[in-house]
Amino acid sequence: ITSGGYTNYADSVKGRFTISRDNFKNTVSL
């Protein structure tokens, strides 16, 4: 995931996993 929120997923997890981030807290979740 980029700072602007653009995401990319492996084909094997697409539709099942979601990545997100909080830029102010410097955290990323899956």
Full PDB file with SEQRES, HELIX, SHEET, SSBOND, CRYST1, ORIGX, SCALE, CONECT and MASTER records, all heavy atoms in Angstrom:
SEQRES   1 A   30  ILE THR SER GLY GLY TYR THR ASN TYR ALA ASP SER VAL          
SEQRES   2 A   30  LYS GLY ARG PHE THR ILE SER ARG ASP ASN PHE LYS ASN          
SEQRES   3 A   30  THR VAL SER LEU                                              
SHEET    1 AA1 2 SER A  20  ASP A  22  0                                        
SHEET    2 AA1 2 THR A  27  SER A  29 -1                                        
CRYST1    1.000    1.000    1.000  90.00  90.00  90.00 P 1           1          
ORIGX1      1.000000  0.000000  0.000000        0.00000                         
ORIGX2      0.000000  1.000000  0.000000        0.00000                         
ORIGX3      0.000000  0.000000  1.000000        0.00000                         
SCALE1      1.000000  0.000000  0.000000        0.00000                         
SCALE2      0.000000  1.000000  0.000000        0.00000                         
SCALE3      0.000000  0.000000  1.000000        0.00000                         
ATOM      1  N   ILE A   1       0.844  -1.188   0.000  1.00  0.00           N  
ATOM      2  CA  ILE A   1       0.000   0.000   0.000  1.00  0.00           C  
ATOM      3  C   ILE A   1       0.882   1.241   0.000  1.00  0.00           C  
ATOM      4  O   ILE A   1       1.876   1.316   0.720  1.00  0.00           O  
ATOM      5  CB  ILE A   1      -0.965  -0.004   1.209  1.00  0.00           C  
ATOM      6  CG1 ILE A   1      -1.932   1.184   1.132  1.00  0.00           C  
ATOM      7  CG2 ILE A   1      -0.200  -0.018   2.527  1.00  0.00           C  
ATOM      8  CD1 ILE A   1      -3.082   1.088   2.128  1.00  0.00           C  
ATOM      9  N   THR A   2       0.528   2.229  -0.821  1.00  0.00           N  
ATOM     10  CA  THR A   2       1.255   3.492  -0.858  1.00  0.00           C  
ATOM     11  C   THR A   2       0.670   4.446   0.163  1.00  0.00           C  
ATOM     12  O   THR A   2      -0.385   4.197   0.749  1.00  0.00           O  
ATOM     13  CB  THR A   2       1.183   4.134  -2.248  1.00  0.00           C  
ATOM     14  OG1 THR A   2      -0.157   4.578  -2.495  1.00  0.00           O  
ATOM     15  CG2 THR A   2       1.600   3.153  -3.331  1.00  0.00           C  
ATOM     16  N   SER A   3       1.354   5.578   0.375  1.00  0.00           N  
ATOM     17  CA  SER A   3       0.852   6.577   1.309  1.00  0.00           C  
ATOM     18  C   SER A   3      -0.480   7.149   0.846  1.00  0.00           C  
ATOM     19  O   SER A   3      -1.260   7.635   1.665  1.00  0.00           O  
ATOM     20  CB  SER A   3       1.871   7.701   1.481  1.00  0.00           C  
ATOM     21  OG  SER A   3       2.110   8.371   0.260  1.00  0.00           O  
ATOM     22  N   GLY A   4      -0.736   7.096  -0.464  1.00  0.00           N  
ATOM     23  CA  GLY A   4      -1.988   7.582  -1.015  1.00  0.00           C  
ATOM     24  C   GLY A   4      -3.115   6.570  -0.989  1.00  0.00           C  
ATOM     25  O   GLY A   4      -4.234   6.880  -1.414  1.00  0.00           O  
ATOM     26  N   GLY A   5      -2.825   5.360  -0.521  1.00  0.00           N  
ATOM     27  CA  GLY A   5      -3.858   4.352  -0.381  1.00  0.00           C  
ATOM     28  C   GLY A   5      -4.006   3.391  -1.548  1.00  0.00           C  
ATOM     29  O   GLY A   5      -4.931   2.573  -1.554  1.00  0.00           O  
ATOM     30  N   TYR A   6      -3.127   3.463  -2.531  1.00  0.00           N  
ATOM     31  CA  TYR A   6      -3.172   2.509  -3.636  1.00  0.00           C  
ATOM     32  C   TYR A   6      -2.647   1.166  -3.175  1.00  0.00           C  
ATOM     33  O   TYR A   6      -1.609   1.085  -2.521  1.00  0.00           O  
ATOM     34  CB  TYR A   6      -2.363   3.016  -4.826  1.00  0.00           C  
ATOM     35  CG  TYR A   6      -2.970   4.229  -5.464  1.00  0.00           C  
ATOM     36  CD1 TYR A   6      -2.528   5.505  -5.132  1.00  0.00           C  
ATOM     37  CD2 TYR A   6      -3.994   4.104  -6.408  1.00  0.00           C  
ATOM     38  CE1 TYR A   6      -3.096   6.626  -5.711  1.00  0.00           C  
ATOM     39  CE2 TYR A   6      -4.564   5.225  -6.991  1.00  0.00           C  
ATOM     40  CZ  TYR A   6      -4.107   6.481  -6.640  1.00  0.00           C  
ATOM     41  OH  TYR A   6      -4.678   7.593  -7.222  1.00  0.00           O  
ATOM     42  N   THR A   7      -3.353   0.111  -3.515  1.00  0.00           N  
ATOM     43  CA  THR A   7      -3.021  -1.221  -3.023  1.00  0.00           C  
ATOM     44  C   THR A   7      -2.716  -2.193  -4.139  1.00  0.00           C  
ATOM     45  O   THR A   7      -3.148  -2.028  -5.279  1.00  0.00           O  
ATOM     46  CB  THR A   7      -4.166  -1.792  -2.175  1.00  0.00           C  
ATOM     47  OG1 THR A   7      -5.362  -1.851  -2.966  1.00  0.00           O  
ATOM     48  CG2 THR A   7      -4.415  -0.916  -0.954  1.00  0.00           C  
ATOM     49  N   ASN A   8      -1.960  -3.220  -3.786  1.00  0.00           N  
ATOM     50  CA  ASN A   8      -1.629  -4.301  -4.693  1.00  0.00           C  
ATOM     51  C   ASN A   8      -1.646  -5.597  -3.905  1.00  0.00           C  
ATOM     52  O   ASN A   8      -1.125  -5.650  -2.795  1.00  0.00           O  
ATOM     53  CB  ASN A   8      -0.252  -4.063  -5.323  1.00  0.00           C  
ATOM     54  CG  ASN A   8       0.179  -5.191  -6.227  1.00  0.00           C  
ATOM     55  OD1 ASN A   8       1.057  -5.975  -5.882  1.00  0.00           O  
ATOM     56  ND2 ASN A   8      -0.433  -5.274  -7.394  1.00  0.00           N  
ATOM     57  N   TYR A   9      -2.242  -6.645  -4.476  1.00  0.00           N  
ATOM     58  CA  TYR A   9      -2.367  -7.919  -3.788  1.00  0.00           C  
ATOM     59  C   TYR A   9      -1.862  -9.068  -4.637  1.00  0.00           C  
ATOM     60  O   TYR A   9      -1.981  -9.057  -5.859  1.00  0.00           O  
ATOM     61  CB  TYR A   9      -3.824  -8.209  -3.441  1.00  0.00           C  
ATOM     62  CG  TYR A   9      -4.452  -7.231  -2.485  1.00  0.00           C  
ATOM     63  CD1 TYR A   9      -5.138  -6.121  -2.949  1.00  0.00           C  
ATOM     64  CD2 TYR A   9      -4.362  -7.428  -1.105  1.00  0.00           C  
ATOM     65  CE1 TYR A   9      -5.719  -5.223  -2.072  1.00  0.00           C  
ATOM     66  CE2 TYR A   9      -4.941  -6.535  -0.224  1.00  0.00           C  
ATOM     67  CZ  TYR A   9      -5.621  -5.434  -0.710  1.00  0.00           C  
ATOM     68  OH  TYR A   9      -6.206  -4.548   0.164  1.00  0.00           O  
ATOM     69  N   ALA A  10      -1.319 -10.061  -3.962  1.00  0.00           N  
ATOM     70  CA  ALA A  10      -1.011 -11.304  -4.634  1.00  0.00           C  
ATOM     71  C   ALA A  10      -2.317 -11.956  -5.079  1.00  0.00           C  
ATOM     72  O   ALA A  10      -3.340 -11.845  -4.398  1.00  0.00           O  
ATOM     73  CB  ALA A  10      -0.245 -12.244  -3.703  1.00  0.00           C  
ATOM     74  N   ASP A  11      -2.289 -12.631  -6.215  1.00  0.00           N  
ATOM     75  CA  ASP A  11      -3.497 -13.266  -6.722  1.00  0.00           C  
ATOM     76  C   ASP A  11      -4.097 -14.256  -5.721  1.00  0.00           C  
ATOM     77  O   ASP A  11      -5.316 -14.410  -5.647  1.00  0.00           O  
ATOM     78  CB  ASP A  11      -3.204 -13.987  -8.032  1.00  0.00           C  
ATOM     79  CG  ASP A  11      -2.959 -13.030  -9.183  1.00  0.00           C  
ATOM     80  OD1 ASP A  11      -3.365 -11.854  -9.090  1.00  0.00           O  
ATOM     81  OD2 ASP A  11      -2.361 -13.461 -10.192  1.00  0.00           O  
ATOM     82  N   SER A  12      -3.247 -14.898  -4.945  1.00  0.00           N  
ATOM     83  CA  SER A  12      -3.693 -15.921  -4.020  1.00  0.00           C  
ATOM     84  C   SER A  12      -4.516 -15.378  -2.853  1.00  0.00           C  
ATOM     85  O   SER A  12      -5.237 -16.137  -2.204  1.00  0.00           O  
ATOM     86  CB  SER A  12      -2.498 -16.704  -3.472  1.00  0.00           C  
ATOM     87  OG  SER A  12      -1.603 -15.842  -2.797  1.00  0.00           O  
ATOM     88  N   VAL A  13      -4.414 -14.075  -2.575  1.00  0.00           N  
ATOM     89  CA  VAL A  13      -5.137 -13.493  -1.446  1.00  0.00           C  
ATOM     90  C   VAL A  13      -6.168 -12.462  -1.872  1.00  0.00           C  
ATOM     91  O   VAL A  13      -6.930 -11.964  -1.032  1.00  0.00           O  
ATOM     92  CB  VAL A  13      -4.176 -12.855  -0.419  1.00  0.00           C  
ATOM     93  CG1 VAL A  13      -3.107 -13.851  -0.006  1.00  0.00           C  
ATOM     94  CG2 VAL A  13      -3.546 -11.582  -0.979  1.00  0.00           C  
ATOM     95  N   LYS A  14      -6.215 -12.144  -3.141  1.00  0.00           N  
ATOM     96  CA  LYS A  14      -7.125 -11.128  -3.649  1.00  0.00           C  
ATOM     97  C   LYS A  14      -8.577 -11.494  -3.327  1.00  0.00           C  
ATOM     98  O   LYS A  14      -9.014 -12.621  -3.564  1.00  0.00           O  
ATOM     99  CB  LYS A  14      -6.925 -10.976  -5.157  1.00  0.00           C  
ATOM    100  CG  LYS A  14      -7.305  -9.621  -5.718  1.00  0.00           C  
ATOM    101  CD  LYS A  14      -6.786  -9.459  -7.155  1.00  0.00           C  
ATOM    102  CE  LYS A  14      -5.282  -9.444  -7.213  1.00  0.00           C  
ATOM    103  NZ  LYS A  14      -4.765  -9.214  -8.597  1.00  0.00           N  
ATOM    104  N   GLY A  15      -9.298 -10.540  -2.781  1.00  0.00           N  
ATOM    105  CA  GLY A  15     -10.682 -10.768  -2.407  1.00  0.00           C  
ATOM    106  C   GLY A  15     -10.867 -11.299  -1.001  1.00  0.00           C  
ATOM    107  O   GLY A  15     -11.995 -11.319  -0.497  1.00  0.00           O  
ATOM    108  N   ARG A  16      -9.777 -11.724  -0.355  1.00  0.00           N  
ATOM    109  CA  ARG A  16      -9.841 -12.254   1.005  1.00  0.00           C  
ATOM    110  C   ARG A  16      -9.111 -11.380   2.010  1.00  0.00           C  
ATOM    111  O   ARG A  16      -9.541 -11.261   3.153  1.00  0.00           O  
ATOM    112  CB  ARG A  16      -9.260 -13.669   1.060  1.00  0.00           C  
ATOM    113  CG  ARG A  16      -9.984 -14.672   0.186  1.00  0.00           C  
ATOM    114  CD  ARG A  16      -9.476 -16.090   0.426  1.00  0.00           C  
ATOM    115  NE  ARG A  16      -8.064 -16.225   0.076  1.00  0.00           N  
ATOM    116  CZ  ARG A  16      -7.104 -16.577   0.928  1.00  0.00           C  
ATOM    117  NH1 ARG A  16      -7.419 -16.840   2.201  1.00  0.00           N  
ATOM    118  NH2 ARG A  16      -5.849 -16.683   0.525  1.00  0.00           N  
ATOM    119  N   PHE A  17      -8.001 -10.781   1.588  1.00  0.00           N  
ATOM    120  CA  PHE A  17      -7.188  -9.946   2.464  1.00  0.00           C  
ATOM    121  C   PHE A  17      -7.361  -8.477   2.100  1.00  0.00           C  
ATOM    122  O   PHE A  17      -7.554  -8.129   0.928  1.00  0.00           O  
ATOM    123  CB  PHE A  17      -5.701 -10.292   2.338  1.00  0.00           C  
ATOM    124  CG  PHE A  17      -5.309 -11.641   2.864  1.00  0.00           C  
ATOM    125  CD1 PHE A  17      -6.256 -12.577   3.251  1.00  0.00           C  
ATOM    126  CD2 PHE A  17      -3.968 -11.969   2.959  1.00  0.00           C  
ATOM    127  CE1 PHE A  17      -5.884 -13.822   3.730  1.00  0.00           C  
ATOM    128  CE2 PHE A  17      -3.578 -13.208   3.438  1.00  0.00           C  
ATOM    129  CZ  PHE A  17      -4.532 -14.136   3.822  1.00  0.00           C  
ATOM    130  N   THR A  18      -7.255  -7.611   3.099  1.00  0.00           N  
ATOM    131  CA  THR A  18      -7.320  -6.180   2.884  1.00  0.00           C  
ATOM    132  C   THR A  18      -6.205  -5.493   3.657  1.00  0.00           C  
ATOM    133  O   THR A  18      -6.095  -5.665   4.868  1.00  0.00           O  
ATOM    134  CB  THR A  18      -8.668  -5.596   3.332  1.00  0.00           C  
ATOM    135  OG1 THR A  18      -9.736  -6.238   2.626  1.00  0.00           O  
ATOM    136  CG2 THR A  18      -8.724  -4.099   3.040  1.00  0.00           C  
ATOM    137  N   ILE A  19      -5.385  -4.715   2.953  1.00  0.00           N  
ATOM    138  CA  ILE A  19      -4.321  -3.962   3.595  1.00  0.00           C  
ATOM    139  C   ILE A  19      -4.774  -2.517   3.786  1.00  0.00           C  
ATOM    140  O   ILE A  19      -5.478  -1.962   2.943  1.00  0.00           O  
ATOM    141  CB  ILE A  19      -3.013  -4.031   2.774  1.00  0.00           C  
ATOM    142  CG1 ILE A  19      -1.852  -3.411   3.549  1.00  0.00           C  
ATOM    143  CG2 ILE A  19      -3.180  -3.370   1.410  1.00  0.00           C  
ATOM    144  CD1 ILE A  19      -0.490  -3.644   2.886  1.00  0.00           C  
ATOM    145  N   SER A  20      -4.377  -1.918   4.897  1.00  0.00           N  
ATOM    146  CA  SER A  20      -4.713  -0.529   5.178  1.00  0.00           C  
ATOM    147  C   SER A  20      -3.585   0.102   5.977  1.00  0.00           C  
ATOM    148  O   SER A  20      -2.719  -0.597   6.507  1.00  0.00           O  
ATOM    149  CB  SER A  20      -6.040  -0.428   5.941  1.00  0.00           C  
ATOM    150  OG  SER A  20      -5.964  -1.103   7.182  1.00  0.00           O  
ATOM    151  N   ARG A  21      -3.590   1.433   6.064  1.00  0.00           N  
ATOM    152  CA  ARG A  21      -2.543   2.115   6.824  1.00  0.00           C  
ATOM    153  C   ARG A  21      -3.070   3.390   7.449  1.00  0.00           C  
ATOM    154  O   ARG A  21      -4.052   3.980   6.993  1.00  0.00           O  
ATOM    155  CB  ARG A  21      -1.338   2.426   5.934  1.00  0.00           C  
ATOM    156  CG  ARG A  21      -1.577   3.482   4.859  1.00  0.00           C  
ATOM    157  CD  ARG A  21      -0.368   3.604   3.938  1.00  0.00           C  
ATOM    158  NE  ARG A  21       0.808   4.105   4.634  1.00  0.00           N  
ATOM    159  CZ  ARG A  21       2.049   4.054   4.148  1.00  0.00           C  
ATOM    160  NH1 ARG A  21       2.275   3.492   2.968  1.00  0.00           N  
ATOM    161  NH2 ARG A  21       3.063   4.551   4.846  1.00  0.00           N  
ATOM    162  N   ASP A  22      -2.391   3.799   8.503  1.00  0.00           N  
ATOM    163  CA  ASP A  22      -2.629   5.064   9.159  1.00  0.00           C  
ATOM    164  C   ASP A  22      -1.317   5.826   9.063  1.00  0.00           C  
ATOM    165  O   ASP A  22      -0.363   5.525   9.780  1.00  0.00           O  
ATOM    166  CB  ASP A  22      -3.047   4.858  10.620  1.00  0.00           C  
ATOM    167  CG  ASP A  22      -3.428   6.156  11.308  1.00  0.00           C  
ATOM    168  OD1 ASP A  22      -2.842   7.204  11.000  1.00  0.00           O  
ATOM    169  OD2 ASP A  22      -4.323   6.116  12.178  1.00  0.00           O  
ATOM    170  N   ASN A  23      -1.259   6.818   8.180  1.00  0.00           N  
ATOM    171  CA  ASN A  23      -0.013   7.528   7.924  1.00  0.00           C  
ATOM    172  C   ASN A  23       0.476   8.344   9.121  1.00  0.00           C  
ATOM    173  O   ASN A  23       1.680   8.530   9.293  1.00  0.00           O  
ATOM    174  CB  ASN A  23      -0.171   8.447   6.709  1.00  0.00           C  
ATOM    175  CG  ASN A  23      -0.297   7.675   5.415  1.00  0.00           C  
ATOM    176  OD1 ASN A  23       0.204   6.564   5.289  1.00  0.00           O  
ATOM    177  ND2 ASN A  23      -0.973   8.277   4.432  1.00  0.00           N  
ATOM    178  N   PHE A  24      -0.439   8.836   9.928  1.00  0.00           N  
ATOM    179  CA  PHE A  24      -0.050   9.634  11.084  1.00  0.00           C  
ATOM    180  C   PHE A  24       0.509   8.774  12.204  1.00  0.00           C  
ATOM    181  O   PHE A  24       1.366   9.228  12.963  1.00  0.00           O  
ATOM    182  CB  PHE A  24      -1.228  10.463  11.591  1.00  0.00           C  
ATOM    183  CG  PHE A  24      -1.627  11.563  10.657  1.00  0.00           C  
ATOM    184  CD1 PHE A  24      -2.678  11.403   9.780  1.00  0.00           C  
ATOM    185  CD2 PHE A  24      -0.931  12.756  10.646  1.00  0.00           C  
ATOM    186  CE1 PHE A  24      -3.045  12.411   8.908  1.00  0.00           C  
ATOM    187  CE2 PHE A  24      -1.284  13.777   9.782  1.00  0.00           C  
ATOM    188  CZ  PHE A  24      -2.346  13.601   8.905  1.00  0.00           C  
ATOM    189  N   LYS A  25       0.046   7.547  12.308  1.00  0.00           N  
ATOM    190  CA  LYS A  25       0.523   6.634  13.345  1.00  0.00           C  
ATOM    191  C   LYS A  25       1.634   5.716  12.852  1.00  0.00           C  
ATOM    192  O   LYS A  25       2.192   4.956  13.634  1.00  0.00           O  
ATOM    193  CB  LYS A  25      -0.626   5.801  13.896  1.00  0.00           C  
ATOM    194  CG  LYS A  25      -1.683   6.610  14.620  1.00  0.00           C  
ATOM    195  CD  LYS A  25      -2.774   5.704  15.173  1.00  0.00           C  
ATOM    196  CE  LYS A  25      -3.806   6.505  15.944  1.00  0.00           C  
ATOM    197  NZ  LYS A  25      -4.880   5.636  16.482  1.00  0.00           N  
ATOM    198  N   ASN A  26       1.932   5.783  11.553  1.00  0.00           N  
ATOM    199  CA  ASN A  26       2.947   4.913  10.957  1.00  0.00           C  
ATOM    200  C   ASN A  26       2.634   3.441  11.210  1.00  0.00           C  
ATOM    201  O   ASN A  26       3.503   2.664  11.616  1.00  0.00           O  
ATOM    202  CB  ASN A  26       4.346   5.247  11.477  1.00  0.00           C  
ATOM    203  CG  ASN A  26       4.883   6.541  10.912  1.00  0.00           C  
ATOM    204  OD1 ASN A  26       4.441   7.012   9.863  1.00  0.00           O  
ATOM    205  ND2 ASN A  26       5.854   7.127  11.595  1.00  0.00           N  
ATOM    206  N   THR A  27       1.397   3.073  10.975  1.00  0.00           N  
ATOM    207  CA  THR A  27       0.995   1.688  11.144  1.00  0.00           C  
ATOM    208  C   THR A  27       0.375   1.160   9.859  1.00  0.00           C  
ATOM    209  O   THR A  27      -0.205   1.906   9.077  1.00  0.00           O  
ATOM    210  CB  THR A  27      -0.014   1.517  12.289  1.00  0.00           C  
ATOM    211  OG1 THR A  27      -1.183   2.299  12.020  1.00  0.00           O  
ATOM    212  CG2 THR A  27       0.588   1.942  13.612  1.00  0.00           C  
ATOM    213  N   VAL A  28       0.499  -0.128   9.658  1.00  0.00           N  
ATOM    214  CA  VAL A  28      -0.128  -0.799   8.534  1.00  0.00           C  
ATOM    215  C   VAL A  28      -0.760  -2.086   9.051  1.00  0.00           C  
ATOM    216  O   VAL A  28      -0.192  -2.760   9.912  1.00  0.00           O  
ATOM    217  CB  VAL A  28       0.888  -1.087   7.402  1.00  0.00           C  
ATOM    218  CG1 VAL A  28       2.010  -1.999   7.885  1.00  0.00           C  
ATOM    219  CG2 VAL A  28       0.189  -1.680   6.187  1.00  0.00           C  
ATOM    220  N   SER A  29      -1.943  -2.403   8.546  1.00  0.00           N  
ATOM    221  CA  SER A  29      -2.674  -3.575   9.004  1.00  0.00           C  
ATOM    222  C   SER A  29      -3.018  -4.479   7.841  1.00  0.00           C  
ATOM    223  O   SER A  29      -3.064  -4.050   6.687  1.00  0.00           O  
ATOM    224  CB  SER A  29      -3.958  -3.163   9.726  1.00  0.00           C  
ATOM    225  OG  SER A  29      -3.683  -2.382  10.867  1.00  0.00           O  
ATOM    226  N   LEU A  30      -3.256  -5.729   8.164  1.00  0.00           N  
ATOM    227  CA  LEU A  30      -3.687  -6.703   7.167  1.00  0.00           C  
ATOM    228  C   LEU A  30      -4.853  -7.488   7.743  1.00  0.00           C  
ATOM    229  O   LEU A  30      -4.670  -8.285   8.666  1.00  0.00           O  
ATOM    230  CB  LEU A  30      -2.546  -7.654   6.790  1.00  0.00           C  
ATOM    231  CG  LEU A  30      -2.857  -8.650   5.677  1.00  0.00           C  
ATOM    232  CD1 LEU A  30      -2.999  -7.923   4.341  1.00  0.00           C  
ATOM    233  CD2 LEU A  30      -1.771  -9.719   5.582  1.00  0.00           C  
TER     234      LEU A  30                                                      
MASTER        0    0    0    0    2    0    0    6  233    1    0    3          
END                                                                             
